[in-house]
Amino acid sequence: MINLKQQPVSPLNQSGFTIIESLVAIIVVAVLLAAISPVIVLSVATRVQARRVELATDAAKSYIDGVRSGTLAAPPSISTDISQYSAPTTTGSLACNHNSYCSLPSTDLFCIAANGASCVNTNAKDLVIQAFRYNSTSSDVNSGYTLGLRIYRADAFKSGITLKASNNGTRQQQTFTGGSGLSSSQSPLVEVTTEISNSSTTFDNFCQRLKNSSNPKAGC
């Protein structure tokens, strides 16, 4: 006769998360998300700002190439040093087509439209270049000149906004800005100065323009 041995009954498995443990886990995850969210927002905003500066730099290079090659007309001549030239004023109106000078608010502004049509002051992707040239001895383009550029976002030309420039302490927007990661539209994205000459510019033109006038021994 076979004797059957009774097997001991295994206790029920009580392992697992309790409601309290689950709530604690949810709270920990929420705290972590709250802690890293500002970092994510700042990172995205800084990348957007860096992209704006990159596009503004490309726009400045294209404009300079156009002026040097004669494809674009030289900007208006000014009677003061470029570092003292005022930032453009905003009237709430912006009338300019892509790749051409504006008629409003001033003719020293040049439009780079994102859509290839026209610049509007409601589009942060459109760029407006303030262009000006200075030669202390002549206003003739063929004599050569120093070209100054400030590149602003088109949405900075809304009514009531006061634009800034290097002559009032603000040189340009920075790629990394801290805070929200985005700079005020009042400041130019980029400021550039360069020397422009053409085949008609002579050595004497350079000498007269660049010599140290305060030095009595300086001559050409």
N, C-alpha and C. Protein backbone atom coordinates (compact mmCIF):
# COMPACT_ATOMS: atom_id res chain seq x y z
N MET A 1 0.86 -1.18 0.00
CA MET A 1 0.00 0.00 0.00
C MET A 1 0.89 1.23 0.00
N ILE A 2 0.54 2.18 -0.84
CA ILE A 2 1.33 3.41 -0.96
C ILE A 2 0.78 4.46 -0.02
N ASN A 3 1.70 4.99 0.79
CA ASN A 3 1.29 6.05 1.72
C ASN A 3 1.55 7.42 1.06
N LEU A 4 0.53 8.22 0.95
CA LEU A 4 0.65 9.58 0.38
C LEU A 4 1.01 10.56 1.48
N LYS A 5 2.08 11.31 1.20
CA LYS A 5 2.52 12.29 2.18
C LYS A 5 1.96 13.66 1.82
N GLN A 6 1.32 14.27 2.73
CA GLN A 6 0.72 15.58 2.48
C GLN A 6 1.81 16.64 2.36
N GLN A 7 1.77 17.40 1.26
CA GLN A 7 2.75 18.47 1.03
C GLN A 7 2.35 19.71 1.82
N PRO A 8 3.35 20.38 2.35
CA PRO A 8 3.03 21.62 3.08
C PRO A 8 2.48 22.69 2.14
N VAL A 9 1.54 23.40 2.62
CA VAL A 9 0.91 24.47 1.81
C VAL A 9 1.83 25.69 1.79
N SER A 10 2.18 26.16 0.54
CA SER A 10 3.05 27.33 0.41
C SER A 10 2.28 28.58 0.80
N PRO A 11 2.92 29.46 1.54
CA PRO A 11 2.23 30.70 1.91
C PRO A 11 2.03 31.58 0.69
N LEU A 12 0.98 32.37 0.68
CA LEU A 12 0.69 33.28 -0.43
C LEU A 12 1.79 34.34 -0.55
N ASN A 13 2.16 34.63 -1.81
CA ASN A 13 3.20 35.63 -2.05
C ASN A 13 2.63 37.03 -1.82
N GLN A 14 3.17 37.69 -0.82
CA GLN A 14 2.69 39.03 -0.48
C GLN A 14 3.60 40.14 -1.02
N SER A 15 4.63 39.74 -1.86
CA SER A 15 5.55 40.76 -2.37
C SER A 15 4.86 41.64 -3.40
N GLY A 16 5.40 42.90 -3.59
CA GLY A 16 4.83 43.85 -4.53
C GLY A 16 4.81 45.24 -3.94
N PHE A 17 4.36 46.21 -4.76
CA PHE A 17 4.30 47.59 -4.30
C PHE A 17 2.99 47.85 -3.58
N THR A 18 3.11 48.54 -2.50
CA THR A 18 1.89 48.97 -1.80
C THR A 18 1.45 50.30 -2.39
N ILE A 19 0.28 50.75 -2.05
CA ILE A 19 -0.24 52.02 -2.55
C ILE A 19 0.66 53.18 -2.12
N ILE A 20 1.14 53.13 -0.90
CA ILE A 20 2.00 54.20 -0.39
C ILE A 20 3.32 54.25 -1.17
N GLU A 21 3.89 53.05 -1.44
CA GLU A 21 5.14 53.02 -2.20
C GLU A 21 4.93 53.57 -3.61
N SER A 22 3.80 53.26 -4.22
CA SER A 22 3.50 53.77 -5.55
C SER A 22 3.36 55.29 -5.54
N LEU A 23 2.69 55.81 -4.52
CA LEU A 23 2.53 57.26 -4.41
C LEU A 23 3.89 57.95 -4.22
N VAL A 24 4.75 57.34 -3.41
CA VAL A 24 6.08 57.90 -3.21
C VAL A 24 6.86 57.93 -4.52
N ALA A 25 6.75 56.85 -5.30
CA ALA A 25 7.45 56.80 -6.60
C ALA A 25 6.94 57.89 -7.54
N ILE A 26 5.62 58.09 -7.54
CA ILE A 26 5.03 59.14 -8.39
C ILE A 26 5.54 60.52 -7.97
N ILE A 27 5.60 60.75 -6.67
CA ILE A 27 6.07 62.04 -6.16
C ILE A 27 7.53 62.27 -6.55
N VAL A 28 8.36 61.23 -6.43
CA VAL A 28 9.78 61.35 -6.79
C VAL A 28 9.94 61.69 -8.26
N VAL A 29 9.17 61.00 -9.13
CA VAL A 29 9.24 61.28 -10.57
C VAL A 29 8.80 62.71 -10.86
N ALA A 30 7.73 63.16 -10.18
CA ALA A 30 7.24 64.52 -10.40
C ALA A 30 8.27 65.56 -9.99
N VAL A 31 8.95 65.32 -8.88
CA VAL A 31 9.98 66.24 -8.42
C VAL A 31 11.14 66.30 -9.42
N LEU A 32 11.54 65.14 -9.94
CA LEU A 32 12.63 65.10 -10.92
C LEU A 32 12.25 65.84 -12.19
N LEU A 33 11.01 65.64 -12.67
CA LEU A 33 10.56 66.34 -13.87
C LEU A 33 10.53 67.84 -13.64
N ALA A 34 10.06 68.25 -12.46
CA ALA A 34 10.02 69.68 -12.15
C ALA A 34 11.43 70.27 -12.09
N ALA A 35 12.39 69.47 -11.67
CA ALA A 35 13.76 69.96 -11.54
C ALA A 35 14.45 70.10 -12.89
N ILE A 36 14.18 69.19 -13.83
CA ILE A 36 14.89 69.22 -15.11
C ILE A 36 14.13 70.01 -16.18
N SER A 37 12.86 70.32 -15.95
CA SER A 37 12.09 71.06 -16.96
C SER A 37 12.71 72.40 -17.31
N PRO A 38 13.13 73.22 -16.33
CA PRO A 38 13.77 74.50 -16.70
C PRO A 38 15.03 74.31 -17.53
N VAL A 39 15.78 73.25 -17.26
CA VAL A 39 17.00 72.99 -18.02
C VAL A 39 16.66 72.68 -19.47
N ILE A 40 15.61 71.88 -19.66
CA ILE A 40 15.18 71.53 -21.02
C ILE A 40 14.71 72.77 -21.77
N VAL A 41 13.89 73.58 -21.10
CA VAL A 41 13.38 74.81 -21.73
C VAL A 41 14.52 75.75 -22.09
N LEU A 42 15.48 75.92 -21.18
CA LEU A 42 16.63 76.79 -21.43
C LEU A 42 17.46 76.27 -22.59
N SER A 43 17.64 74.95 -22.66
CA SER A 43 18.43 74.36 -23.73
C SER A 43 17.78 74.61 -25.09
N VAL A 44 16.46 74.40 -25.17
CA VAL A 44 15.75 74.62 -26.43
C VAL A 44 15.80 76.09 -26.83
N ALA A 45 15.56 76.98 -25.86
CA ALA A 45 15.56 78.42 -26.15
C ALA A 45 16.93 78.89 -26.60
N THR A 46 17.98 78.37 -25.99
CA THR A 46 19.34 78.76 -26.37
C THR A 46 19.66 78.29 -27.78
N ARG A 47 19.18 77.11 -28.14
CA ARG A 47 19.40 76.61 -29.50
C ARG A 47 18.66 77.48 -30.52
N VAL A 48 17.45 77.92 -30.16
CA VAL A 48 16.70 78.82 -31.04
C VAL A 48 17.46 80.13 -31.23
N GLN A 49 17.97 80.67 -30.12
CA GLN A 49 18.72 81.93 -30.19
C GLN A 49 20.00 81.76 -31.01
N ALA A 50 20.69 80.64 -30.84
CA ALA A 50 21.91 80.38 -31.60
C ALA A 50 21.60 80.29 -33.09
N ARG A 51 20.48 79.70 -33.42
CA ARG A 51 20.08 79.60 -34.82
C ARG A 51 19.79 80.97 -35.41
N ARG A 52 19.16 81.84 -34.63
CA ARG A 52 18.88 83.20 -35.09
C ARG A 52 20.17 83.95 -35.38
N VAL A 53 21.13 83.83 -34.47
CA VAL A 53 22.42 84.50 -34.66
C VAL A 53 23.13 83.95 -35.89
N GLU A 54 23.04 82.65 -36.10
CA GLU A 54 23.67 82.03 -37.27
C GLU A 54 23.06 82.56 -38.56
N LEU A 55 21.73 82.65 -38.61
CA LEU A 55 21.06 83.16 -39.81
C LEU A 55 21.39 84.63 -40.03
N ALA A 56 21.48 85.40 -38.95
CA ALA A 56 21.83 86.81 -39.07
C ALA A 56 23.25 86.98 -39.60
N THR A 57 24.16 86.13 -39.15
CA THR A 57 25.54 86.18 -39.64
C THR A 57 25.60 85.85 -41.13
N ASP A 58 24.84 84.85 -41.55
CA ASP A 58 24.79 84.49 -42.97
C ASP A 58 24.22 85.64 -43.79
N ALA A 59 23.19 86.31 -43.26
CA ALA A 59 22.59 87.44 -43.96
C ALA A 59 23.59 88.57 -44.12
N ALA A 60 24.38 88.84 -43.08
CA ALA A 60 25.39 89.89 -43.15
C ALA A 60 26.44 89.56 -44.20
N LYS A 61 26.89 88.31 -44.23
CA LYS A 61 27.90 87.90 -45.22
C LYS A 61 27.36 88.04 -46.64
N SER A 62 26.11 87.65 -46.85
CA SER A 62 25.51 87.75 -48.18
C SER A 62 25.39 89.21 -48.61
N TYR A 63 25.01 90.07 -47.67
CA TYR A 63 24.88 91.49 -48.00
C TYR A 63 26.25 92.07 -48.37
N ILE A 64 27.26 91.77 -47.59
CA ILE A 64 28.61 92.28 -47.86
C ILE A 64 29.10 91.81 -49.23
N ASP A 65 28.88 90.54 -49.54
CA ASP A 65 29.27 90.01 -50.84
C ASP A 65 28.55 90.74 -51.97
N GLY A 66 27.25 91.03 -51.76
CA GLY A 66 26.47 91.74 -52.77
C GLY A 66 26.98 93.15 -53.01
N VAL A 67 27.35 93.86 -51.94
CA VAL A 67 27.86 95.22 -52.08
C VAL A 67 29.24 95.21 -52.74
N ARG A 68 30.09 94.28 -52.34
CA ARG A 68 31.44 94.22 -52.91
C ARG A 68 31.41 93.89 -54.40
N SER A 69 30.49 93.03 -54.79
CA SER A 69 30.42 92.62 -56.20
C SER A 69 29.67 93.64 -57.05
N GLY A 70 28.99 94.59 -56.43
CA GLY A 70 28.22 95.57 -57.17
C GLY A 70 26.80 95.13 -57.45
N THR A 71 26.43 93.94 -57.00
CA THR A 71 25.06 93.46 -57.20
C THR A 71 24.07 94.30 -56.41
N LEU A 72 24.47 94.73 -55.22
CA LEU A 72 23.65 95.59 -54.38
C LEU A 72 24.24 96.99 -54.35
N ALA A 73 23.38 97.98 -54.36
CA ALA A 73 23.84 99.36 -54.26
C ALA A 73 24.41 99.63 -52.87
N ALA A 74 25.39 100.50 -52.82
CA ALA A 74 25.98 100.86 -51.53
C ALA A 74 24.94 101.55 -50.65
N PRO A 75 25.02 101.36 -49.35
CA PRO A 75 24.06 102.00 -48.45
C PRO A 75 24.31 103.50 -48.35
N PRO A 76 23.43 104.24 -47.70
CA PRO A 76 23.62 105.69 -47.56
C PRO A 76 24.89 106.03 -46.80
N SER A 77 25.49 107.16 -47.17
CA SER A 77 26.68 107.64 -46.48
C SER A 77 26.27 108.44 -45.25
N ILE A 78 27.04 108.31 -44.17
CA ILE A 78 26.75 109.05 -42.95
C ILE A 78 27.90 110.01 -42.65
N SER A 79 27.64 111.02 -41.85
CA SER A 79 28.64 112.05 -41.57
C SER A 79 29.31 111.88 -40.23
N THR A 80 28.99 110.80 -39.53
CA THR A 80 29.59 110.55 -38.23
C THR A 80 30.21 109.16 -38.21
N ASP A 81 31.11 108.93 -37.29
CA ASP A 81 31.74 107.62 -37.18
C ASP A 81 30.68 106.55 -36.96
N ILE A 82 30.90 105.38 -37.54
CA ILE A 82 29.86 104.35 -37.50
C ILE A 82 29.53 103.90 -36.08
N SER A 83 30.49 104.02 -35.17
CA SER A 83 30.23 103.61 -33.79
C SER A 83 29.25 104.55 -33.10
N GLN A 84 29.06 105.75 -33.67
CA GLN A 84 28.15 106.73 -33.08
C GLN A 84 26.82 106.82 -33.83
N TYR A 85 26.68 106.04 -34.87
CA TYR A 85 25.44 106.10 -35.66
C TYR A 85 24.30 105.48 -34.87
N SER A 86 23.18 106.16 -34.85
CA SER A 86 22.05 105.73 -34.01
C SER A 86 21.36 104.50 -34.57
N ALA A 87 20.75 103.76 -33.68
CA ALA A 87 19.93 102.61 -34.08
C ALA A 87 18.69 103.12 -34.81
N PRO A 88 18.09 102.31 -35.65
CA PRO A 88 16.90 102.76 -36.38
C PRO A 88 15.73 103.03 -35.44
N THR A 89 14.86 103.91 -35.86
CA THR A 89 13.65 104.20 -35.09
C THR A 89 12.50 103.35 -35.62
N THR A 90 11.57 103.03 -34.76
CA THR A 90 10.42 102.22 -35.15
C THR A 90 9.17 103.08 -35.19
N THR A 91 8.40 102.91 -36.25
CA THR A 91 7.16 103.68 -36.41
C THR A 91 5.94 102.77 -36.43
N GLY A 92 6.18 101.48 -36.37
CA GLY A 92 5.08 100.54 -36.49
C GLY A 92 4.85 100.08 -37.91
N SER A 93 5.52 100.75 -38.87
CA SER A 93 5.39 100.39 -40.29
C SER A 93 6.71 99.83 -40.79
N LEU A 94 6.62 98.83 -41.65
CA LEU A 94 7.80 98.22 -42.26
C LEU A 94 7.45 97.87 -43.69
N ALA A 95 7.99 98.66 -44.63
CA ALA A 95 7.68 98.46 -46.04
C ALA A 95 8.95 98.15 -46.80
N CYS A 96 9.17 96.87 -47.07
CA CYS A 96 10.35 96.48 -47.85
C CYS A 96 10.17 95.06 -48.37
N ASN A 97 10.60 94.87 -49.61
CA ASN A 97 10.55 93.56 -50.24
C ASN A 97 11.85 92.81 -50.00
N HIS A 98 11.79 91.51 -50.20
CA HIS A 98 12.96 90.66 -49.99
C HIS A 98 14.13 91.10 -50.86
N ASN A 99 15.31 91.11 -50.27
CA ASN A 99 16.55 91.41 -50.97
C ASN A 99 16.55 92.81 -51.59
N SER A 100 15.96 93.76 -50.88
CA SER A 100 15.94 95.14 -51.35
C SER A 100 15.85 96.08 -50.16
N TYR A 101 16.14 97.35 -50.42
CA TYR A 101 16.08 98.36 -49.36
C TYR A 101 14.64 98.72 -49.05
N CYS A 102 14.42 99.13 -47.82
CA CYS A 102 13.08 99.49 -47.37
C CYS A 102 12.77 100.94 -47.72
N SER A 103 11.48 101.23 -47.82
CA SER A 103 11.04 102.62 -47.97
C SER A 103 10.56 103.17 -46.63
N LEU A 104 10.13 102.29 -45.74
CA LEU A 104 9.72 102.66 -44.38
C LEU A 104 10.29 101.64 -43.41
N PRO A 105 10.74 102.06 -42.24
CA PRO A 105 10.77 103.44 -41.72
C PRO A 105 11.94 104.28 -42.21
N SER A 106 12.96 103.68 -42.85
CA SER A 106 14.07 104.46 -43.39
C SER A 106 14.74 103.68 -44.51
N THR A 107 15.44 104.40 -45.37
CA THR A 107 16.03 103.77 -46.56
C THR A 107 17.38 103.11 -46.30
N ASP A 108 17.87 103.18 -45.05
CA ASP A 108 19.13 102.49 -44.75
C ASP A 108 18.88 101.08 -44.24
N LEU A 109 17.64 100.61 -44.36
CA LEU A 109 17.27 99.26 -43.92
C LEU A 109 17.12 98.34 -45.13
N PHE A 110 17.57 97.11 -44.97
CA PHE A 110 17.56 96.12 -46.06
C PHE A 110 16.85 94.87 -45.56
N CYS A 111 15.99 94.30 -46.40
CA CYS A 111 15.12 93.19 -45.99
C CYS A 111 15.66 91.83 -46.45
N ILE A 112 15.66 90.89 -45.51
CA ILE A 112 15.90 89.47 -45.82
C ILE A 112 14.68 88.72 -45.31
N ALA A 113 13.77 88.40 -46.22
CA ALA A 113 12.49 87.78 -45.84
C ALA A 113 12.60 86.26 -45.84
N ALA A 114 12.08 85.65 -44.80
CA ALA A 114 12.14 84.19 -44.70
C ALA A 114 11.31 83.52 -45.78
N ASN A 115 10.20 84.16 -46.17
CA ASN A 115 9.33 83.56 -47.19
C ASN A 115 9.68 84.02 -48.60
N GLY A 116 10.73 84.86 -48.72
CA GLY A 116 11.15 85.31 -50.03
C GLY A 116 10.27 86.36 -50.65
N ALA A 117 9.34 86.93 -49.89
CA ALA A 117 8.41 87.92 -50.43
C ALA A 117 8.70 89.31 -49.86
N SER A 118 8.34 89.53 -48.61
CA SER A 118 8.55 90.84 -47.98
C SER A 118 8.71 90.67 -46.48
N CYS A 119 9.32 91.67 -45.85
CA CYS A 119 9.51 91.64 -44.40
C CYS A 119 8.28 92.23 -43.71
N VAL A 120 7.83 91.58 -42.67
CA VAL A 120 6.70 92.07 -41.89
C VAL A 120 7.10 92.07 -40.42
N ASN A 121 6.57 93.03 -39.67
CA ASN A 121 6.99 93.16 -38.27
C ASN A 121 6.25 92.23 -37.33
N THR A 122 5.60 91.22 -37.91
CA THR A 122 4.97 90.19 -37.08
C THR A 122 5.68 88.84 -37.22
N ASN A 123 6.76 88.83 -38.00
CA ASN A 123 7.48 87.58 -38.25
C ASN A 123 8.88 87.66 -37.67
N ALA A 124 9.15 86.84 -36.66
CA ALA A 124 10.47 86.85 -36.01
C ALA A 124 11.54 86.22 -36.90
N LYS A 125 11.14 85.52 -37.97
CA LYS A 125 12.11 84.88 -38.85
C LYS A 125 12.66 85.84 -39.90
N ASP A 126 11.91 86.90 -40.21
CA ASP A 126 12.40 87.90 -41.15
C ASP A 126 13.51 88.72 -40.49
N LEU A 127 14.50 89.10 -41.28
CA LEU A 127 15.63 89.88 -40.77
C LEU A 127 15.71 91.22 -41.49
N VAL A 128 16.05 92.25 -40.73
CA VAL A 128 16.21 93.59 -41.29
C VAL A 128 17.63 94.06 -40.98
N ILE A 129 18.36 94.43 -42.02
CA ILE A 129 19.74 94.89 -41.87
C ILE A 129 19.77 96.41 -41.92
N GLN A 130 20.31 97.03 -40.90
CA GLN A 130 20.60 98.46 -40.95
C GLN A 130 22.01 98.61 -41.51
N ALA A 131 22.12 99.24 -42.68
CA ALA A 131 23.41 99.35 -43.37
C ALA A 131 23.79 100.82 -43.54
N PHE A 132 25.06 101.13 -43.33
CA PHE A 132 25.52 102.51 -43.47
C PHE A 132 27.02 102.49 -43.76
N ARG A 133 27.50 103.53 -44.40
CA ARG A 133 28.92 103.61 -44.75
C ARG A 133 29.49 104.96 -44.32
N TYR A 134 30.79 104.94 -44.04
CA TYR A 134 31.44 106.17 -43.56
C TYR A 134 32.84 106.30 -44.14
N ASN A 135 33.10 107.48 -44.67
CA ASN A 135 34.43 107.86 -45.12
C ASN A 135 34.63 109.31 -44.69
N SER A 136 35.61 109.55 -43.87
CA SER A 136 35.80 110.89 -43.29
C SER A 136 36.26 111.92 -44.31
N THR A 137 36.73 111.46 -45.48
CA THR A 137 37.28 112.40 -46.47
C THR A 137 36.44 112.51 -47.73
N SER A 138 35.55 111.57 -47.97
CA SER A 138 34.79 111.59 -49.22
C SER A 138 33.52 110.75 -49.08
N SER A 139 32.49 111.17 -49.80
CA SER A 139 31.25 110.38 -49.84
C SER A 139 31.17 109.55 -51.12
N ASP A 140 32.22 109.63 -51.94
CA ASP A 140 32.26 108.88 -53.19
C ASP A 140 32.48 107.40 -52.90
N VAL A 141 31.63 106.55 -53.45
CA VAL A 141 31.74 105.11 -53.24
C VAL A 141 33.08 104.58 -53.73
N ASN A 142 33.58 105.13 -54.83
CA ASN A 142 34.82 104.64 -55.41
C ASN A 142 36.05 104.94 -54.56
N SER A 143 35.90 105.81 -53.57
CA SER A 143 37.03 106.14 -52.69
C SER A 143 37.19 105.12 -51.57
N GLY A 144 36.25 104.19 -51.48
CA GLY A 144 36.29 103.20 -50.41
C GLY A 144 35.64 103.75 -49.15
N TYR A 145 35.25 102.85 -48.27
CA TYR A 145 34.57 103.27 -47.05
C TYR A 145 34.51 102.13 -46.05
N THR A 146 34.17 102.48 -44.82
CA THR A 146 33.91 101.48 -43.79
C THR A 146 32.42 101.19 -43.78
N LEU A 147 32.08 99.94 -43.91
CA LEU A 147 30.67 99.53 -43.94
C LEU A 147 30.26 99.02 -42.56
N GLY A 148 29.16 99.53 -42.07
CA GLY A 148 28.62 99.07 -40.79
C GLY A 148 27.27 98.41 -40.98
N LEU A 149 27.07 97.29 -40.28
CA LEU A 149 25.81 96.56 -40.38
C LEU A 149 25.30 96.20 -38.99
N ARG A 150 23.99 96.32 -38.81
CA ARG A 150 23.32 95.80 -37.62
C ARG A 150 22.12 94.99 -38.11
N ILE A 151 22.03 93.76 -37.65
CA ILE A 151 20.96 92.88 -38.11
C ILE A 151 19.96 92.68 -36.98
N TYR A 152 18.72 93.07 -37.25
CA TYR A 152 17.64 92.96 -36.27
C TYR A 152 16.58 91.97 -36.76
N ARG A 153 15.81 91.46 -35.82
CA ARG A 153 14.61 90.71 -36.17
C ARG A 153 13.55 91.68 -36.66
N ALA A 154 12.77 91.26 -37.65
CA ALA A 154 11.75 92.16 -38.19
C ALA A 154 10.67 92.49 -37.17
N ASP A 155 10.41 91.57 -36.25
CA ASP A 155 9.36 91.85 -35.27
C ASP A 155 9.81 92.88 -34.23
N ALA A 156 11.05 93.35 -34.32
CA ALA A 156 11.51 94.41 -33.43
C ALA A 156 11.04 95.78 -33.91
N PHE A 157 10.48 95.84 -35.11
CA PHE A 157 10.06 97.12 -35.68
C PHE A 157 8.59 97.43 -35.43
N LYS A 158 8.05 96.83 -34.39
CA LYS A 158 6.69 97.17 -33.98
C LYS A 158 6.69 98.52 -33.29
N SER A 159 5.56 99.16 -33.31
CA SER A 159 5.44 100.48 -32.68
C SER A 159 5.68 100.38 -31.18
N GLY A 160 6.42 101.35 -30.65
CA GLY A 160 6.66 101.39 -29.21
C GLY A 160 7.93 100.72 -28.76
N ILE A 161 8.65 100.05 -29.66
CA ILE A 161 9.90 99.38 -29.31
C ILE A 161 11.08 100.31 -29.63
N THR A 162 11.97 100.47 -28.67
CA THR A 162 13.17 101.28 -28.86
C THR A 162 14.35 100.36 -29.12
N LEU A 163 14.89 100.42 -30.33
CA LEU A 163 15.99 99.55 -30.70
C LEU A 163 17.30 100.04 -30.09
N LYS A 164 18.21 99.10 -29.86
CA LYS A 164 19.49 99.41 -29.24
C LYS A 164 20.63 99.13 -30.22
N ALA A 165 21.78 99.72 -29.92
CA ALA A 165 22.97 99.50 -30.74
C ALA A 165 24.19 99.73 -29.87
N SER A 166 25.38 99.59 -30.48
CA SER A 166 26.62 99.67 -29.72
C SER A 166 26.85 101.04 -29.11
N ASN A 167 26.28 102.08 -29.72
CA ASN A 167 26.53 103.42 -29.18
C ASN A 167 25.74 103.71 -27.92
N ASN A 168 24.84 102.77 -27.52
CA ASN A 168 24.16 102.96 -26.23
C ASN A 168 24.41 101.78 -25.31
N GLY A 169 25.57 101.15 -25.50
CA GLY A 169 26.02 100.16 -24.53
C GLY A 169 25.67 98.73 -24.83
N THR A 170 24.84 98.46 -25.84
CA THR A 170 24.47 97.09 -26.17
C THR A 170 25.07 96.72 -27.51
N ARG A 171 26.02 95.81 -27.52
CA ARG A 171 26.68 95.47 -28.77
C ARG A 171 25.86 94.51 -29.61
N GLN A 172 25.45 93.39 -29.05
CA GLN A 172 24.65 92.45 -29.81
C GLN A 172 24.07 91.41 -28.88
N GLN A 173 23.13 90.66 -29.39
CA GLN A 173 22.58 89.57 -28.61
C GLN A 173 23.59 88.44 -28.55
N GLN A 174 23.52 87.67 -27.48
CA GLN A 174 24.45 86.58 -27.28
C GLN A 174 23.78 85.24 -27.61
N THR A 175 24.61 84.28 -28.04
CA THR A 175 24.09 82.95 -28.32
C THR A 175 23.53 82.32 -27.05
N PHE A 176 24.29 82.41 -25.93
CA PHE A 176 23.79 81.96 -24.63
C PHE A 176 23.43 83.19 -23.83
N THR A 177 22.20 83.29 -23.42
CA THR A 177 21.73 84.50 -22.78
C THR A 177 21.36 84.32 -21.33
N GLY A 178 21.26 83.07 -20.85
CA GLY A 178 20.81 82.85 -19.48
C GLY A 178 19.33 83.16 -19.37
N GLY A 179 18.80 83.09 -18.16
CA GLY A 179 17.39 83.38 -17.99
C GLY A 179 16.53 82.46 -18.81
N SER A 180 15.73 83.06 -19.69
CA SER A 180 14.84 82.27 -20.53
C SER A 180 15.56 81.68 -21.73
N GLY A 181 16.79 82.16 -22.01
CA GLY A 181 17.52 81.68 -23.17
C GLY A 181 17.30 82.51 -24.40
N LEU A 182 16.33 83.44 -24.35
CA LEU A 182 16.02 84.28 -25.50
C LEU A 182 16.26 85.73 -25.13
N SER A 183 16.89 86.49 -26.04
CA SER A 183 17.18 87.89 -25.77
C SER A 183 16.04 88.78 -26.22
N SER A 184 16.06 90.00 -25.72
CA SER A 184 15.10 90.99 -26.16
C SER A 184 15.33 91.30 -27.63
N SER A 185 14.25 91.54 -28.36
CA SER A 185 14.37 91.86 -29.78
C SER A 185 14.93 93.25 -30.00
N GLN A 186 15.09 94.05 -28.95
CA GLN A 186 15.61 95.41 -29.08
C GLN A 186 17.06 95.43 -29.55
N SER A 187 17.83 94.46 -29.15
CA SER A 187 19.25 94.43 -29.50
C SER A 187 19.47 93.75 -30.84
N PRO A 188 20.47 94.19 -31.61
CA PRO A 188 20.76 93.51 -32.87
C PRO A 188 21.28 92.10 -32.62
N LEU A 189 20.92 91.19 -33.50
CA LEU A 189 21.44 89.83 -33.41
C LEU A 189 22.94 89.82 -33.65
N VAL A 190 23.38 90.64 -34.60
CA VAL A 190 24.80 90.70 -34.97
C VAL A 190 25.13 92.12 -35.38
N GLU A 191 26.35 92.57 -35.07
CA GLU A 191 26.88 93.83 -35.58
C GLU A 191 28.20 93.54 -36.30
N VAL A 192 28.36 94.12 -37.48
CA VAL A 192 29.53 93.84 -38.31
C VAL A 192 30.08 95.14 -38.88
N THR A 193 31.39 95.27 -38.94
CA THR A 193 32.04 96.36 -39.68
C THR A 193 33.10 95.74 -40.58
N THR A 194 33.24 96.30 -41.77
CA THR A 194 34.24 95.79 -42.71
C THR A 194 34.63 96.91 -43.67
N GLU A 195 35.73 96.72 -44.37
CA GLU A 195 36.21 97.71 -45.34
C GLU A 195 35.76 97.32 -46.74
N ILE A 196 35.27 98.31 -47.49
CA ILE A 196 34.79 98.07 -48.85
C ILE A 196 35.58 98.94 -49.82
N SER A 197 36.03 98.35 -50.89
CA SER A 197 36.70 99.09 -51.96
C SER A 197 36.35 98.43 -53.28
N ASN A 198 36.72 99.08 -54.38
CA ASN A 198 36.49 98.48 -55.70
C ASN A 198 37.71 98.74 -56.58
N SER A 199 37.58 98.42 -57.84
CA SER A 199 38.73 98.53 -58.75
C SER A 199 39.15 99.98 -58.97
N SER A 200 38.28 100.93 -58.64
CA SER A 200 38.62 102.35 -58.82
C SER A 200 39.27 102.96 -57.59
N THR A 201 39.29 102.24 -56.49
CA THR A 201 39.87 102.75 -55.26
C THR A 201 41.40 102.73 -55.35
N THR A 202 42.02 103.86 -55.09
CA THR A 202 43.47 103.98 -55.21
C THR A 202 44.14 103.90 -53.84
N PHE A 203 45.47 103.76 -53.89
CA PHE A 203 46.23 103.75 -52.64
C PHE A 203 46.06 105.07 -51.90
N ASP A 204 46.02 106.17 -52.65
CA ASP A 204 45.86 107.48 -52.02
C ASP A 204 44.52 107.58 -51.30
N ASN A 205 43.48 106.96 -51.86
CA ASN A 205 42.18 106.94 -51.19
C ASN A 205 42.28 106.26 -49.83
N PHE A 206 42.96 105.11 -49.81
CA PHE A 206 43.15 104.41 -48.54
C PHE A 206 43.95 105.27 -47.56
N CYS A 207 45.01 105.87 -48.06
CA CYS A 207 45.89 106.64 -47.19
C CYS A 207 45.17 107.84 -46.60
N GLN A 208 44.43 108.58 -47.42
CA GLN A 208 43.72 109.75 -46.92
C GLN A 208 42.66 109.37 -45.88
N ARG A 209 42.06 108.24 -46.07
CA ARG A 209 40.98 107.83 -45.17
C ARG A 209 41.50 107.24 -43.88
N LEU A 210 42.60 106.51 -43.95
CA LEU A 210 43.06 105.74 -42.80
C LEU A 210 44.21 106.38 -42.03
N LYS A 211 44.80 107.43 -42.57
CA LYS A 211 45.95 108.02 -41.88
C LYS A 211 45.52 108.67 -40.57
N ASN A 212 46.47 108.78 -39.68
CA ASN A 212 46.23 109.39 -38.37
C ASN A 212 46.28 110.91 -38.52
N SER A 213 45.11 111.54 -38.52
CA SER A 213 45.05 112.98 -38.74
C SER A 213 45.64 113.78 -37.59
N SER A 214 45.75 113.16 -36.41
CA SER A 214 46.30 113.86 -35.25
C SER A 214 47.83 113.87 -35.25
N ASN A 215 48.41 113.10 -36.17
CA ASN A 215 49.87 113.04 -36.27
C ASN A 215 50.32 113.96 -37.41
N PRO A 216 51.00 115.05 -37.10
CA PRO A 216 51.41 115.99 -38.15
C PRO A 216 52.40 115.39 -39.15
N LYS A 217 53.07 114.32 -38.77
CA LYS A 217 54.04 113.69 -39.66
C LYS A 217 53.40 112.65 -40.58
N ALA A 218 52.13 112.35 -40.33
CA ALA A 218 51.45 111.37 -41.18
C ALA A 218 51.14 112.01 -42.52
N GLY A 219 51.50 111.34 -43.57
CA GLY A 219 51.26 111.87 -44.90
C GLY A 219 51.05 110.76 -45.90
N CYS A 220 50.72 111.15 -47.12
CA CYS A 220 50.48 110.16 -48.17
C CYS A 220 51.38 110.47 -49.36
